[in-house]
Amino acid sequence: MEVSTIFFIALVPEILFLLFLVWYLRLGLIKKGIEAKFAVTPIMLIKLRMSKIDPELIILNAIRLVKANIDLQLNQPEDLVAIFEAHHLCGGNVIRVTAALLEAQKRSEALTLKQALAIDLESVSKKPAQ
């Protein structure tokens, strides 16, 4: 075998592994987190994937709230990912909570994260069983 063939055969697994990481970890989300000064770690993304939650749903909504400078009353903004994950697993709508908080800020109304989450879960529990 030629050296170039051996070199190509040796590179294929590494290239496939890197492509898999880009797809699985959604490195674009990490980049968006860095731009918004919101720490998105590969561990977060893996945890969300293992919980069968779309990482984009949680991370992008968390980034929207952080960019809007909404006072979330959290120790670290990254705690929002765990809160949104739990809310989603309880059947809540993360997009609706984010929209409510952004709208409340736009109208200069006082709405905390806990209140928005509770209102959303209350609306879920009032839906008739099918």
C-alpha atoms as a PDB file:
ATOM      1  CA  MET A   1       0.000   0.000   0.000  1.00  0.00           C
ATOM      2  CA  GLU A   2       1.025   3.519  -0.650  1.00  0.00           C
ATOM      3  CA  VAL A   3       1.683   5.980   2.122  1.00  0.00           C
ATOM      4  CA  SER A   4      -1.145   8.268   0.987  1.00  0.00           C
ATOM      5  CA  THR A   5      -3.638   5.381   1.152  1.00  0.00           C
ATOM      6  CA  ILE A   6      -2.551   4.438   4.664  1.00  0.00           C
ATOM      7  CA  PHE A   7      -2.724   8.095   5.687  1.00  0.00           C
ATOM      8  CA  PHE A   8      -6.257   8.390   4.266  1.00  0.00           C
ATOM      9  CA  ILE A   9      -7.417   5.184   5.984  1.00  0.00           C
ATOM     10  CA  ALA A  10      -5.994   6.441   9.277  1.00  0.00           C
ATOM     11  CA  LEU A  11      -7.763   9.809   8.967  1.00  0.00           C
ATOM     12  CA  VAL A  12     -11.253   8.568   8.123  1.00  0.00           C
ATOM     13  CA  PRO A  13     -12.183   7.414  11.671  1.00  0.00           C
ATOM     14  CA  GLU A  14     -10.985  10.693  13.182  1.00  0.00           C
ATOM     15  CA  ILE A  15     -12.975  12.751  10.689  1.00  0.00           C
ATOM     16  CA  LEU A  16     -16.084  10.662  11.295  1.00  0.00           C
ATOM     17  CA  PHE A  17     -15.642  11.023  15.057  1.00  0.00           C
ATOM     18  CA  LEU A  18     -15.348  14.816  14.768  1.00  0.00           C
ATOM     19  CA  LEU A  19     -18.450  14.981  12.585  1.00  0.00           C
ATOM     20  CA  PHE A  20     -20.302  12.888  15.146  1.00  0.00           C
ATOM     21  CA  LEU A  21     -19.252  15.248  17.949  1.00  0.00           C
ATOM     22  CA  VAL A  22     -20.383  18.291  15.986  1.00  0.00           C
ATOM     23  CA  TRP A  23     -23.770  16.676  15.420  1.00  0.00           C
ATOM     24  CA  TYR A  24     -24.249  15.093  18.852  1.00  0.00           C
ATOM     25  CA  LEU A  25     -22.971  17.943  20.991  1.00  0.00           C
ATOM     26  CA  ARG A  26     -24.412  20.677  18.787  1.00  0.00           C
ATOM     27  CA  LEU A  27     -21.247  22.724  18.945  1.00  0.00           C
ATOM     28  CA  GLY A  28     -23.190  25.610  17.421  1.00  0.00           C
ATOM     29  CA  LEU A  29     -25.061  25.909  20.731  1.00  0.00           C
ATOM     30  CA  ILE A  30     -21.777  26.153  22.598  1.00  0.00           C
ATOM     31  CA  LYS A  31     -20.699  28.918  20.206  1.00  0.00           C
ATOM     32  CA  LYS A  32     -23.972  30.813  20.729  1.00  0.00           C
ATOM     33  CA  GLY A  33     -23.534  30.433  24.478  1.00  0.00           C
ATOM     34  CA  ILE A  34     -20.049  31.905  24.305  1.00  0.00           C
ATOM     35  CA  GLU A  35     -21.348  34.851  22.274  1.00  0.00           C
ATOM     36  CA  ALA A  36     -24.062  35.491  24.885  1.00  0.00           C
ATOM     37  CA  LYS A  37     -21.661  34.960  27.817  1.00  0.00           C
ATOM     38  CA  PHE A  38     -23.699  31.938  28.890  1.00  0.00           C
ATOM     39  CA  ALA A  39     -21.671  28.860  29.789  1.00  0.00           C
ATOM     40  CA  VAL A  40     -22.906  25.917  27.724  1.00  0.00           C
ATOM     41  CA  THR A  41     -20.855  22.830  28.461  1.00  0.00           C
ATOM     42  CA  PRO A  42     -20.720  19.540  26.589  1.00  0.00           C
ATOM     43  CA  ILE A  43     -21.853  17.858  29.813  1.00  0.00           C
ATOM     44  CA  MET A  44     -25.058  19.941  29.745  1.00  0.00           C
ATOM     45  CA  LEU A  45     -25.744  18.912  26.184  1.00  0.00           C
ATOM     46  CA  ILE A  46     -25.086  15.242  26.862  1.00  0.00           C
ATOM     47  CA  LYS A  47     -27.352  15.360  29.921  1.00  0.00           C
ATOM     48  CA  LEU A  48     -30.145  16.930  27.878  1.00  0.00           C
ATOM     49  CA  ARG A  49     -29.696  14.347  25.123  1.00  0.00           C
ATOM     50  CA  MET A  50     -29.823  11.514  27.659  1.00  0.00           C
ATOM     51  CA  SER A  51     -33.061  12.973  29.064  1.00  0.00           C
ATOM     52  CA  LYS A  52     -34.439  12.906  25.495  1.00  0.00           C
ATOM     53  CA  ILE A  53     -34.841  16.675  25.441  1.00  0.00           C
ATOM     54  CA  ASP A  54     -33.904  18.777  22.438  1.00  0.00           C
ATOM     55  CA  PRO A  55     -30.898  20.817  23.639  1.00  0.00           C
ATOM     56  CA  GLU A  56     -31.786  23.669  21.276  1.00  0.00           C
ATOM     57  CA  LEU A  57     -35.155  24.161  22.978  1.00  0.00           C
ATOM     58  CA  ILE A  58     -33.620  24.613  26.410  1.00  0.00           C
ATOM     59  CA  ILE A  59     -30.345  26.357  25.570  1.00  0.00           C
ATOM     60  CA  LEU A  60     -31.713  28.882  23.060  1.00  0.00           C
ATOM     61  CA  ASN A  61     -34.532  29.943  25.392  1.00  0.00           C
ATOM     62  CA  ALA A  62     -32.086  30.285  28.288  1.00  0.00           C
ATOM     63  CA  ILE A  63     -29.797  32.398  26.096  1.00  0.00           C
ATOM     64  CA  ARG A  64     -32.746  34.625  25.090  1.00  0.00           C
ATOM     65  CA  LEU A  65     -33.509  35.346  28.745  1.00  0.00           C
ATOM     66  CA  VAL A  66     -29.872  35.985  29.620  1.00  0.00           C
ATOM     67  CA  LYS A  67     -29.450  38.337  26.645  1.00  0.00           C
ATOM     68  CA  ALA A  68     -32.566  40.260  27.706  1.00  0.00           C
ATOM     69  CA  ASN A  69     -30.997  40.874  31.153  1.00  0.00           C
ATOM     70  CA  ILE A  70     -34.054  39.583  32.967  1.00  0.00           C
ATOM     71  CA  ASP A  71     -33.508  39.221  36.702  1.00  0.00           C
ATOM     72  CA  LEU A  72     -33.995  35.489  37.128  1.00  0.00           C
ATOM     73  CA  GLN A  73     -33.041  35.477  40.820  1.00  0.00           C
ATOM     74  CA  LEU A  74     -30.606  32.608  40.304  1.00  0.00           C
ATOM     75  CA  ASN A  75     -27.117  32.131  41.699  1.00  0.00           C
ATOM     76  CA  GLN A  76     -25.765  31.446  38.219  1.00  0.00           C
ATOM     77  CA  PRO A  77     -27.497  31.892  34.876  1.00  0.00           C
ATOM     78  CA  GLU A  78     -26.512  28.322  33.998  1.00  0.00           C
ATOM     79  CA  ASP A  79     -28.954  27.069  36.666  1.00  0.00           C
ATOM     80  CA  LEU A  80     -31.680  28.070  34.231  1.00  0.00           C
ATOM     81  CA  VAL A  81     -30.869  25.026  32.081  1.00  0.00           C
ATOM     82  CA  ALA A  82     -31.668  22.628  34.930  1.00  0.00           C
ATOM     83  CA  ILE A  83     -34.857  24.556  35.768  1.00  0.00           C
ATOM     84  CA  PHE A  84     -36.028  24.515  32.148  1.00  0.00           C
ATOM     85  CA  GLU A  85     -35.149  20.828  31.863  1.00  0.00           C
ATOM     86  CA  ALA A  86     -37.265  19.961  34.908  1.00  0.00           C
ATOM     87  CA  HIS A  87     -40.091  22.178  33.675  1.00  0.00           C
ATOM     88  CA  HIS A  88     -40.074  20.497  30.275  1.00  0.00           C
ATOM     89  CA  LEU A  89     -40.064  17.030  31.828  1.00  0.00           C
ATOM     90  CA  CYS A  90     -43.110  18.031  33.925  1.00  0.00           C
ATOM     91  CA  GLY A  91     -44.974  18.816  30.725  1.00  0.00           C
ATOM     92  CA  GLY A  92     -44.423  22.552  30.753  1.00  0.00           C
ATOM     93  CA  ASN A  93     -43.817  24.730  27.725  1.00  0.00           C
ATOM     94  CA  VAL A  94     -40.403  26.410  27.902  1.00  0.00           C
ATOM     95  CA  ILE A  95     -41.116  28.637  24.909  1.00  0.00           C
ATOM     96  CA  ARG A  96     -44.277  29.991  26.529  1.00  0.00           C
ATOM     97  CA  VAL A  97     -42.436  30.724  29.801  1.00  0.00           C
ATOM     98  CA  THR A  98     -39.681  32.562  27.926  1.00  0.00           C
ATOM     99  CA  ALA A  99     -42.201  34.574  25.921  1.00  0.00           C
ATOM    100  CA  ALA A 100     -44.123  35.491  29.082  1.00  0.00           C
ATOM    101  CA  LEU A 101     -40.984  36.716  30.845  1.00  0.00           C
ATOM    102  CA  LEU A 102     -39.884  38.751  27.830  1.00  0.00           C
ATOM    103  CA  GLU A 103     -43.354  40.255  27.442  1.00  0.00           C
ATOM    104  CA  ALA A 104     -43.528  41.116  31.145  1.00  0.00           C
ATOM    105  CA  GLN A 105     -40.176  42.870  30.897  1.00  0.00           C
ATOM    106  CA  LYS A 106     -41.345  44.764  27.810  1.00  0.00           C
ATOM    107  CA  ARG A 107     -44.451  45.941  29.699  1.00  0.00           C
ATOM    108  CA  SER A 108     -42.428  46.701  32.855  1.00  0.00           C
ATOM    109  CA  GLU A 109     -44.514  44.252  34.872  1.00  0.00           C
ATOM    110  CA  ALA A 110     -43.177  42.211  37.762  1.00  0.00           C
ATOM    111  CA  LEU A 111     -43.106  38.534  36.824  1.00  0.00           C
ATOM    112  CA  THR A 112     -40.562  36.216  38.365  1.00  0.00           C
ATOM    113  CA  LEU A 113     -39.296  33.013  36.840  1.00  0.00           C
ATOM    114  CA  LYS A 114     -41.034  30.958  39.538  1.00  0.00           C
ATOM    115  CA  GLN A 115     -44.344  32.688  38.848  1.00  0.00           C
ATOM    116  CA  ALA A 116     -44.057  32.143  35.094  1.00  0.00           C
ATOM    117  CA  LEU A 117     -43.227  28.467  35.590  1.00  0.00           C
ATOM    118  CA  ALA A 118     -46.120  28.007  38.017  1.00  0.00           C
ATOM    119  CA  ILE A 119     -48.610  29.721  35.696  1.00  0.00           C
ATOM    120  CA  ASP A 120     -47.491  27.551  32.797  1.00  0.00           C
ATOM    121  CA  LEU A 121     -47.728  24.312  34.774  1.00  0.00           C
ATOM    122  CA  GLU A 122     -51.135  25.372  36.095  1.00  0.00           C
ATOM    123  CA  SER A 123     -52.391  25.797  32.544  1.00  0.00           C
ATOM    124  CA  VAL A 124     -51.050  22.325  31.700  1.00  0.00           C
ATOM    125  CA  SER A 125     -52.802  20.731  34.683  1.00  0.00           C
ATOM    126  CA  LYS A 126     -56.158  22.347  33.765  1.00  0.00           C
ATOM    127  CA  LYS A 127     -56.265  20.725  30.342  1.00  0.00           C
ATOM    128  CA  PRO A 128     -58.876  17.967  30.194  1.00  0.00           C
ATOM    129  CA  ALA A 129     -57.544  14.409  30.127  1.00  0.00           C
ATOM    130  CA  GLN A 130     -57.805  12.675  26.794  1.00  0.00           C
END
